[in-house]
Amino acid sequence: MRKVLGTLGLCVAMAGMAAAEEIAPAAVVYDDYGAVEQSLTGVPGDPARGAETMVNRGKGNCLACHQVTALESAQFHGEVGPSLDGAGDRWSEAELRGLVSNAKKTFDGTIMPAFYKTTGFIRPGDAFTGKAPETPELPPLLTAQEIEDVVAFLATLKD
């Protein structure tokens, strides 16, 4: 019984450590070109969950602007942003993390939303609902783990 409780305690402690490693949106460190070297969670991203986030119109909504051949079963791919085919060859994991977190750090003037940002908005709204925010501080559009999942999926897109 003690061994089971000890193992359970260790698992709970490790889970707390993993949660403590999450980087808050305001604490993300971007390099001069907008890349983010450090994982936002310390937990590897899941490419399958990243693909789900990308096609979810209430989450990433990436297909509203981008075309992704690997997601051809999803309808209505956009043509505003570049195709993401080959993204894993064009950008490093750190560059992808920076682009998904806040593309404006790399491409000044882009219309791509900052998915991991909570302040400094010009026209704040409640995600993709078209409604005004209910609270003064907005949550990020994606969680830190969802960012890592999308980055993991994008890294699989090779030419």
N, C-alpha and C. Protein backbone atom coordinates (compact mmCIF):
# COMPACT_ATOMS: atom_id res chain seq x y z
N MET A 1 0.82 -1.19 0.00
CA MET A 1 0.00 0.00 0.00
C MET A 1 0.87 1.26 0.00
N ARG A 2 1.95 1.25 0.82
CA ARG A 2 2.83 2.41 0.86
C ARG A 2 3.47 2.66 -0.49
N LYS A 3 3.84 1.56 -1.16
CA LYS A 3 4.48 1.70 -2.47
C LYS A 3 3.52 2.33 -3.47
N VAL A 4 2.26 1.91 -3.43
CA VAL A 4 1.25 2.47 -4.33
C VAL A 4 1.03 3.95 -4.04
N LEU A 5 0.91 4.29 -2.75
CA LEU A 5 0.72 5.70 -2.39
C LEU A 5 1.95 6.53 -2.75
N GLY A 6 3.13 5.97 -2.56
CA GLY A 6 4.36 6.68 -2.93
C GLY A 6 4.42 6.94 -4.42
N THR A 7 4.06 5.93 -5.21
CA THR A 7 4.05 6.08 -6.66
C THR A 7 3.00 7.11 -7.08
N LEU A 8 1.84 7.05 -6.46
CA LEU A 8 0.78 8.02 -6.76
C LEU A 8 1.24 9.43 -6.42
N GLY A 9 1.88 9.59 -5.27
CA GLY A 9 2.39 10.91 -4.88
C GLY A 9 3.42 11.43 -5.87
N LEU A 10 4.30 10.56 -6.35
CA LEU A 10 5.30 10.95 -7.33
C LEU A 10 4.63 11.40 -8.63
N CYS A 11 3.62 10.65 -9.06
CA CYS A 11 2.90 11.02 -10.30
C CYS A 11 2.23 12.39 -10.15
N VAL A 12 1.61 12.63 -8.99
CA VAL A 12 0.96 13.92 -8.76
C VAL A 12 2.00 15.04 -8.75
N ALA A 13 3.13 14.81 -8.11
CA ALA A 13 4.19 15.82 -8.07
C ALA A 13 4.73 16.10 -9.47
N MET A 14 4.92 15.05 -10.27
CA MET A 14 5.42 15.24 -11.63
C MET A 14 4.40 15.99 -12.48
N ALA A 15 3.12 15.70 -12.30
CA ALA A 15 2.09 16.41 -13.05
C ALA A 15 2.09 17.88 -12.67
N GLY A 16 2.28 18.18 -11.39
CA GLY A 16 2.36 19.56 -10.95
C GLY A 16 3.56 20.27 -11.54
N MET A 17 4.70 19.57 -11.65
CA MET A 17 5.89 20.16 -12.25
C MET A 17 5.65 20.46 -13.72
N ALA A 18 4.98 19.54 -14.43
CA ALA A 18 4.71 19.76 -15.86
C ALA A 18 3.81 20.97 -16.05
N ALA A 19 2.80 21.09 -15.18
CA ALA A 19 1.90 22.23 -15.29
C ALA A 19 2.63 23.53 -14.96
N ALA A 20 3.57 23.45 -14.03
CA ALA A 20 4.31 24.66 -13.62
C ALA A 20 5.24 25.15 -14.72
N GLU A 21 5.58 24.29 -15.67
CA GLU A 21 6.49 24.67 -16.74
C GLU A 21 5.81 25.48 -17.84
N GLU A 22 4.48 25.57 -17.82
CA GLU A 22 3.79 26.31 -18.87
C GLU A 22 4.18 27.78 -18.83
N ILE A 23 4.50 28.31 -19.98
CA ILE A 23 4.90 29.71 -20.09
C ILE A 23 3.67 30.56 -20.38
N ALA A 24 3.47 31.59 -19.59
CA ALA A 24 2.34 32.49 -19.78
C ALA A 24 2.54 33.31 -21.06
N PRO A 25 1.45 33.73 -21.71
CA PRO A 25 1.58 34.49 -22.96
C PRO A 25 2.51 35.70 -22.85
N ALA A 26 2.45 36.44 -21.76
CA ALA A 26 3.28 37.63 -21.61
C ALA A 26 4.75 37.29 -21.36
N ALA A 27 5.06 36.05 -20.99
CA ALA A 27 6.43 35.65 -20.68
C ALA A 27 7.13 34.93 -21.84
N VAL A 28 6.46 34.78 -22.97
CA VAL A 28 7.07 34.10 -24.12
C VAL A 28 8.23 34.95 -24.63
N VAL A 29 9.36 34.30 -24.89
CA VAL A 29 10.55 34.99 -25.37
C VAL A 29 10.70 34.73 -26.87
N TYR A 30 10.60 35.80 -27.66
CA TYR A 30 10.76 35.73 -29.11
C TYR A 30 12.17 36.21 -29.45
N ASP A 31 12.82 35.57 -30.44
CA ASP A 31 14.12 36.08 -30.86
C ASP A 31 13.91 37.22 -31.86
N ASP A 32 14.98 37.72 -32.42
CA ASP A 32 14.89 38.88 -33.32
C ASP A 32 14.04 38.62 -34.55
N TYR A 33 13.85 37.35 -34.90
CA TYR A 33 13.07 37.01 -36.09
C TYR A 33 11.71 36.41 -35.75
N GLY A 34 11.35 36.43 -34.47
CA GLY A 34 10.03 35.95 -34.06
C GLY A 34 9.97 34.50 -33.65
N ALA A 35 11.08 33.77 -33.68
CA ALA A 35 11.08 32.36 -33.29
C ALA A 35 11.01 32.24 -31.77
N VAL A 36 10.41 31.13 -31.31
CA VAL A 36 10.31 30.83 -29.88
C VAL A 36 10.99 29.48 -29.67
N GLU A 37 12.19 29.52 -29.12
CA GLU A 37 12.98 28.29 -28.94
C GLU A 37 12.40 27.36 -27.89
N GLN A 38 11.94 27.90 -26.77
CA GLN A 38 11.49 27.09 -25.65
C GLN A 38 10.05 26.65 -25.83
N SER A 39 9.80 25.36 -25.58
CA SER A 39 8.44 24.85 -25.60
C SER A 39 7.59 25.64 -24.61
N LEU A 40 6.35 25.87 -24.95
CA LEU A 40 5.45 26.62 -24.07
C LEU A 40 4.96 25.77 -22.90
N THR A 41 5.11 24.45 -23.02
CA THR A 41 4.58 23.56 -21.98
C THR A 41 5.61 22.58 -21.43
N GLY A 42 6.66 22.30 -22.16
CA GLY A 42 7.58 21.25 -21.75
C GLY A 42 7.06 19.87 -22.11
N VAL A 43 5.92 19.81 -22.76
CA VAL A 43 5.29 18.54 -23.16
C VAL A 43 5.27 18.51 -24.69
N PRO A 44 5.73 17.42 -25.30
CA PRO A 44 5.70 17.36 -26.76
C PRO A 44 4.28 17.52 -27.31
N GLY A 45 4.18 18.17 -28.45
CA GLY A 45 2.89 18.34 -29.10
C GLY A 45 2.41 17.05 -29.73
N ASP A 46 1.11 16.92 -29.89
CA ASP A 46 0.48 15.76 -30.52
C ASP A 46 -0.01 16.20 -31.90
N PRO A 47 0.62 15.69 -32.98
CA PRO A 47 0.23 16.11 -34.33
C PRO A 47 -1.25 15.87 -34.65
N ALA A 48 -1.82 14.77 -34.16
CA ALA A 48 -3.23 14.48 -34.45
C ALA A 48 -4.14 15.53 -33.80
N ARG A 49 -3.84 15.89 -32.56
CA ARG A 49 -4.63 16.95 -31.91
C ARG A 49 -4.39 18.30 -32.58
N GLY A 50 -3.17 18.52 -33.06
CA GLY A 50 -2.87 19.76 -33.78
C GLY A 50 -3.70 19.88 -35.04
N ALA A 51 -3.85 18.78 -35.77
CA ALA A 51 -4.68 18.79 -36.98
C ALA A 51 -6.13 19.09 -36.63
N GLU A 52 -6.62 18.53 -35.53
CA GLU A 52 -7.99 18.80 -35.08
C GLU A 52 -8.17 20.28 -34.75
N THR A 53 -7.19 20.86 -34.09
CA THR A 53 -7.27 22.29 -33.74
C THR A 53 -7.28 23.15 -34.99
N MET A 54 -6.48 22.78 -35.98
CA MET A 54 -6.39 23.57 -37.21
C MET A 54 -7.70 23.61 -37.97
N VAL A 55 -8.46 22.52 -37.95
CA VAL A 55 -9.71 22.49 -38.72
C VAL A 55 -10.91 22.95 -37.90
N ASN A 56 -10.73 23.11 -36.60
CA ASN A 56 -11.82 23.52 -35.71
C ASN A 56 -12.09 25.01 -35.92
N ARG A 57 -13.25 25.36 -36.43
CA ARG A 57 -13.59 26.75 -36.74
C ARG A 57 -13.73 27.62 -35.49
N GLY A 58 -13.87 27.01 -34.32
CA GLY A 58 -13.97 27.76 -33.08
C GLY A 58 -12.66 27.82 -32.33
N LYS A 59 -11.63 27.20 -32.86
CA LYS A 59 -10.31 27.19 -32.20
C LYS A 59 -9.30 27.86 -33.10
N GLY A 60 -8.46 27.05 -33.75
CA GLY A 60 -7.42 27.60 -34.62
C GLY A 60 -7.99 28.28 -35.85
N ASN A 61 -8.98 27.65 -36.46
CA ASN A 61 -9.61 28.20 -37.66
C ASN A 61 -8.59 28.48 -38.77
N CYS A 62 -7.51 27.71 -38.78
CA CYS A 62 -6.42 27.94 -39.72
C CYS A 62 -6.86 27.83 -41.18
N LEU A 63 -7.82 26.94 -41.44
CA LEU A 63 -8.26 26.73 -42.82
C LEU A 63 -9.09 27.88 -43.36
N ALA A 64 -9.45 28.82 -42.51
CA ALA A 64 -10.15 30.00 -43.01
C ALA A 64 -9.24 30.80 -43.94
N CYS A 65 -7.94 30.72 -43.70
CA CYS A 65 -6.98 31.48 -44.51
C CYS A 65 -5.99 30.62 -45.28
N HIS A 66 -5.68 29.44 -44.77
CA HIS A 66 -4.63 28.61 -45.36
C HIS A 66 -5.19 27.35 -46.01
N GLN A 67 -4.47 26.86 -47.00
CA GLN A 67 -4.77 25.59 -47.66
C GLN A 67 -3.76 24.57 -47.15
N VAL A 68 -4.24 23.36 -46.82
CA VAL A 68 -3.37 22.28 -46.33
C VAL A 68 -3.84 20.99 -46.99
N THR A 69 -3.06 20.47 -47.92
CA THR A 69 -3.44 19.26 -48.65
C THR A 69 -3.68 18.09 -47.71
N ALA A 70 -2.89 17.96 -46.64
CA ALA A 70 -3.04 16.86 -45.69
C ALA A 70 -4.39 16.90 -44.97
N LEU A 71 -5.07 18.01 -45.02
CA LEU A 71 -6.38 18.17 -44.38
C LEU A 71 -7.48 18.31 -45.43
N GLU A 72 -7.29 17.69 -46.59
CA GLU A 72 -8.22 17.88 -47.70
C GLU A 72 -9.63 17.40 -47.39
N SER A 73 -9.80 16.54 -46.38
CA SER A 73 -11.15 16.10 -46.04
C SER A 73 -11.97 17.22 -45.39
N ALA A 74 -11.29 18.21 -44.82
CA ALA A 74 -11.99 19.38 -44.27
C ALA A 74 -12.37 20.31 -45.42
N GLN A 75 -13.51 20.96 -45.31
CA GLN A 75 -14.00 21.80 -46.39
C GLN A 75 -13.54 23.25 -46.26
N PHE A 76 -13.60 23.93 -47.37
CA PHE A 76 -13.43 25.38 -47.44
C PHE A 76 -12.06 25.88 -46.98
N HIS A 77 -11.02 25.45 -47.67
CA HIS A 77 -9.68 25.95 -47.39
C HIS A 77 -9.56 27.37 -47.93
N GLY A 78 -8.88 28.22 -47.18
CA GLY A 78 -8.73 29.62 -47.57
C GLY A 78 -7.60 29.84 -48.55
N GLU A 79 -7.59 31.04 -49.10
CA GLU A 79 -6.55 31.44 -50.04
C GLU A 79 -5.93 32.78 -49.67
N VAL A 80 -6.20 33.27 -48.46
CA VAL A 80 -5.66 34.55 -48.01
C VAL A 80 -4.20 34.39 -47.61
N GLY A 81 -3.92 33.37 -46.82
CA GLY A 81 -2.56 33.09 -46.37
C GLY A 81 -1.90 32.09 -47.28
N PRO A 82 -0.60 31.88 -47.10
CA PRO A 82 0.10 30.92 -47.94
C PRO A 82 -0.33 29.49 -47.65
N SER A 83 -0.15 28.61 -48.62
CA SER A 83 -0.37 27.19 -48.40
C SER A 83 0.60 26.73 -47.31
N LEU A 84 0.15 25.85 -46.45
CA LEU A 84 1.02 25.34 -45.40
C LEU A 84 1.67 24.01 -45.78
N ASP A 85 1.44 23.56 -47.01
CA ASP A 85 2.14 22.36 -47.49
C ASP A 85 3.64 22.63 -47.44
N GLY A 86 4.39 21.72 -46.87
CA GLY A 86 5.83 21.89 -46.77
C GLY A 86 6.28 22.79 -45.64
N ALA A 87 5.37 23.16 -44.74
CA ALA A 87 5.74 24.06 -43.63
C ALA A 87 6.86 23.48 -42.78
N GLY A 88 6.87 22.17 -42.61
CA GLY A 88 7.91 21.52 -41.81
C GLY A 88 9.29 21.60 -42.44
N ASP A 89 9.33 21.82 -43.75
CA ASP A 89 10.62 22.01 -44.44
C ASP A 89 11.01 23.49 -44.48
N ARG A 90 10.03 24.37 -44.53
CA ARG A 90 10.31 25.81 -44.65
C ARG A 90 10.74 26.46 -43.35
N TRP A 91 10.17 25.98 -42.23
CA TRP A 91 10.42 26.62 -40.95
C TRP A 91 10.84 25.58 -39.91
N SER A 92 11.69 26.00 -38.98
CA SER A 92 12.09 25.14 -37.86
C SER A 92 10.93 25.08 -36.86
N GLU A 93 11.06 24.19 -35.89
CA GLU A 93 10.04 24.08 -34.85
C GLU A 93 9.92 25.40 -34.08
N ALA A 94 11.04 26.04 -33.78
CA ALA A 94 11.02 27.32 -33.05
C ALA A 94 10.33 28.40 -33.89
N GLU A 95 10.60 28.42 -35.19
CA GLU A 95 9.96 29.41 -36.06
C GLU A 95 8.46 29.15 -36.16
N LEU A 96 8.07 27.88 -36.28
CA LEU A 96 6.64 27.54 -36.33
C LEU A 96 5.95 27.96 -35.03
N ARG A 97 6.61 27.70 -33.89
CA ARG A 97 6.03 28.08 -32.60
C ARG A 97 5.83 29.59 -32.53
N GLY A 98 6.79 30.34 -33.01
CA GLY A 98 6.67 31.80 -33.02
C GLY A 98 5.56 32.27 -33.94
N LEU A 99 5.47 31.64 -35.13
CA LEU A 99 4.44 32.05 -36.09
C LEU A 99 3.04 31.77 -35.56
N VAL A 100 2.84 30.62 -34.92
CA VAL A 100 1.52 30.30 -34.40
C VAL A 100 1.22 31.15 -33.16
N SER A 101 2.21 31.37 -32.32
CA SER A 101 1.99 32.16 -31.10
C SER A 101 1.65 33.61 -31.44
N ASN A 102 2.47 34.23 -32.30
CA ASN A 102 2.24 35.62 -32.68
C ASN A 102 3.03 35.92 -33.95
N ALA A 103 2.41 35.72 -35.09
CA ALA A 103 3.07 35.89 -36.39
C ALA A 103 3.53 37.32 -36.62
N LYS A 104 2.96 38.27 -35.91
CA LYS A 104 3.35 39.67 -36.08
C LYS A 104 4.79 39.93 -35.64
N LYS A 105 5.34 39.04 -34.84
CA LYS A 105 6.74 39.16 -34.42
C LYS A 105 7.68 38.83 -35.58
N THR A 106 7.19 38.06 -36.56
CA THR A 106 7.99 37.70 -37.73
C THR A 106 7.59 38.53 -38.94
N PHE A 107 6.29 38.66 -39.17
CA PHE A 107 5.77 39.36 -40.33
C PHE A 107 4.96 40.57 -39.87
N ASP A 108 5.64 41.70 -39.71
CA ASP A 108 4.98 42.92 -39.27
C ASP A 108 3.86 43.26 -40.26
N GLY A 109 2.69 43.54 -39.73
CA GLY A 109 1.56 43.92 -40.58
C GLY A 109 0.73 42.76 -41.08
N THR A 110 1.08 41.52 -40.73
CA THR A 110 0.28 40.38 -41.16
C THR A 110 -1.12 40.46 -40.54
N ILE A 111 -2.09 39.89 -41.23
CA ILE A 111 -3.44 39.86 -40.67
C ILE A 111 -3.68 38.58 -39.87
N MET A 112 -2.68 37.70 -39.81
CA MET A 112 -2.83 36.47 -39.04
C MET A 112 -2.98 36.83 -37.56
N PRO A 113 -3.98 36.23 -36.90
CA PRO A 113 -4.17 36.55 -35.48
C PRO A 113 -3.02 35.99 -34.64
N ALA A 114 -2.77 36.63 -33.51
CA ALA A 114 -1.83 36.13 -32.53
C ALA A 114 -2.61 35.14 -31.66
N PHE A 115 -2.26 33.87 -31.73
CA PHE A 115 -3.03 32.84 -31.04
C PHE A 115 -2.65 32.68 -29.58
N TYR A 116 -1.49 33.25 -29.16
CA TYR A 116 -1.08 33.11 -27.77
C TYR A 116 -0.68 34.49 -27.23
N LYS A 117 -1.69 35.33 -27.09
CA LYS A 117 -1.50 36.70 -26.66
C LYS A 117 -2.73 37.09 -25.85
N THR A 118 -2.54 37.94 -24.84
CA THR A 118 -3.67 38.33 -23.99
C THR A 118 -3.82 39.84 -23.84
N THR A 119 -2.88 40.62 -24.35
CA THR A 119 -2.95 42.07 -24.21
C THR A 119 -2.51 42.75 -25.50
N GLY A 120 -2.76 44.06 -25.57
CA GLY A 120 -2.27 44.84 -26.70
C GLY A 120 -3.09 44.71 -27.97
N PHE A 121 -4.36 44.37 -27.83
CA PHE A 121 -5.21 44.21 -29.00
C PHE A 121 -5.74 45.55 -29.49
N ILE A 122 -5.95 45.66 -30.78
CA ILE A 122 -6.52 46.87 -31.37
C ILE A 122 -8.04 46.80 -31.31
N ARG A 123 -8.60 45.66 -31.71
CA ARG A 123 -10.05 45.45 -31.70
C ARG A 123 -10.36 44.16 -30.97
N PRO A 124 -10.41 44.19 -29.64
CA PRO A 124 -10.64 42.94 -28.91
C PRO A 124 -12.03 42.39 -29.15
N GLY A 125 -12.11 41.08 -29.19
CA GLY A 125 -13.38 40.40 -29.33
C GLY A 125 -13.30 39.05 -28.64
N ASP A 126 -14.41 38.40 -28.52
CA ASP A 126 -14.49 37.10 -27.86
C ASP A 126 -14.20 36.01 -28.89
N ALA A 127 -12.90 35.73 -29.10
CA ALA A 127 -12.42 34.72 -30.05
C ALA A 127 -13.03 34.93 -31.42
N PHE A 128 -13.62 33.89 -31.99
CA PHE A 128 -14.19 33.98 -33.34
C PHE A 128 -15.71 34.13 -33.31
N THR A 129 -16.26 34.65 -32.20
CA THR A 129 -17.71 34.75 -32.07
C THR A 129 -18.29 36.02 -32.66
N GLY A 130 -17.46 37.05 -32.87
CA GLY A 130 -17.96 38.32 -33.35
C GLY A 130 -18.58 39.17 -32.25
N LYS A 131 -18.47 38.72 -31.00
CA LYS A 131 -19.04 39.43 -29.86
C LYS A 131 -17.95 40.18 -29.10
N ALA A 132 -18.34 41.20 -28.38
CA ALA A 132 -17.41 41.93 -27.52
C ALA A 132 -16.97 41.01 -26.38
N PRO A 133 -15.78 41.23 -25.86
CA PRO A 133 -15.32 40.36 -24.76
C PRO A 133 -16.14 40.59 -23.50
N GLU A 134 -16.31 39.52 -22.72
CA GLU A 134 -17.07 39.62 -21.47
C GLU A 134 -16.19 40.05 -20.31
N THR A 135 -14.88 39.86 -20.43
CA THR A 135 -13.96 40.22 -19.36
C THR A 135 -12.90 41.17 -19.91
N PRO A 136 -12.33 42.01 -19.05
CA PRO A 136 -11.32 42.97 -19.53
C PRO A 136 -10.06 42.27 -20.05
N GLU A 137 -9.65 41.18 -19.40
CA GLU A 137 -8.48 40.44 -19.89
C GLU A 137 -8.95 39.25 -20.70
N LEU A 138 -8.51 39.21 -21.93
CA LEU A 138 -8.91 38.12 -22.81
C LEU A 138 -7.98 36.92 -22.66
N PRO A 139 -8.54 35.71 -22.72
CA PRO A 139 -7.67 34.54 -22.74
C PRO A 139 -7.05 34.40 -24.13
N PRO A 140 -5.95 33.67 -24.27
CA PRO A 140 -5.40 33.46 -25.60
C PRO A 140 -6.38 32.62 -26.44
N LEU A 141 -6.30 32.76 -27.75
CA LEU A 141 -7.18 31.97 -28.63
C LEU A 141 -6.91 30.48 -28.49
N LEU A 142 -5.64 30.12 -28.31
CA LEU A 142 -5.25 28.72 -28.11
C LEU A 142 -4.47 28.60 -26.81
N THR A 143 -4.59 27.44 -26.16
CA THR A 143 -3.80 27.19 -24.97
C THR A 143 -2.35 26.90 -25.39
N ALA A 144 -1.47 26.91 -24.41
CA ALA A 144 -0.06 26.61 -24.69
C ALA A 144 0.08 25.22 -25.30
N GLN A 145 -0.68 24.24 -24.79
CA GLN A 145 -0.57 22.88 -25.33
C GLN A 145 -1.16 22.80 -26.74
N GLU A 146 -2.21 23.54 -27.01
CA GLU A 146 -2.76 23.56 -28.37
C GLU A 146 -1.74 24.16 -29.34
N ILE A 147 -1.00 25.17 -28.91
CA ILE A 147 0.07 25.73 -29.75
C ILE A 147 1.09 24.64 -30.06
N GLU A 148 1.52 23.91 -29.02
CA GLU A 148 2.51 22.84 -29.21
C GLU A 148 1.96 21.74 -30.14
N ASP A 149 0.68 21.44 -30.03
CA ASP A 149 0.06 20.43 -30.89
C ASP A 149 0.04 20.89 -32.35
N VAL A 150 -0.34 22.14 -32.59
CA VAL A 150 -0.37 22.68 -33.96
C VAL A 150 1.05 22.69 -34.53
N VAL A 151 2.02 23.09 -33.74
CA VAL A 151 3.43 23.11 -34.19
C VAL A 151 3.86 21.69 -34.55
N ALA A 152 3.49 20.70 -33.74
CA ALA A 152 3.85 19.31 -34.03
C ALA A 152 3.22 18.86 -35.35
N PHE A 153 1.96 19.25 -35.60
CA PHE A 153 1.34 18.89 -36.87
C PHE A 153 2.02 19.59 -38.05
N LEU A 154 2.25 20.89 -37.92
CA LEU A 154 2.89 21.63 -39.02
C LEU A 154 4.28 21.07 -39.34
N ALA A 155 4.99 20.62 -38.31
CA ALA A 155 6.33 20.05 -38.52
C ALA A 155 6.28 18.75 -39.34
N THR A 156 5.11 18.10 -39.40
CA THR A 156 4.99 16.88 -40.20
C THR A 156 4.75 17.17 -41.67
N LEU A 157 4.43 18.40 -42.00
CA LEU A 157 4.11 18.77 -43.39
C LEU A 157 5.39 19.00 -44.17
N LYS A 158 5.86 17.96 -44.83
CA LYS A 158 7.11 18.00 -45.59
C LYS A 158 6.80 17.93 -47.07
N ASP A 159 7.68 18.54 -47.88
CA ASP A 159 7.50 18.48 -49.34
C ASP A 159 7.80 17.11 -49.88
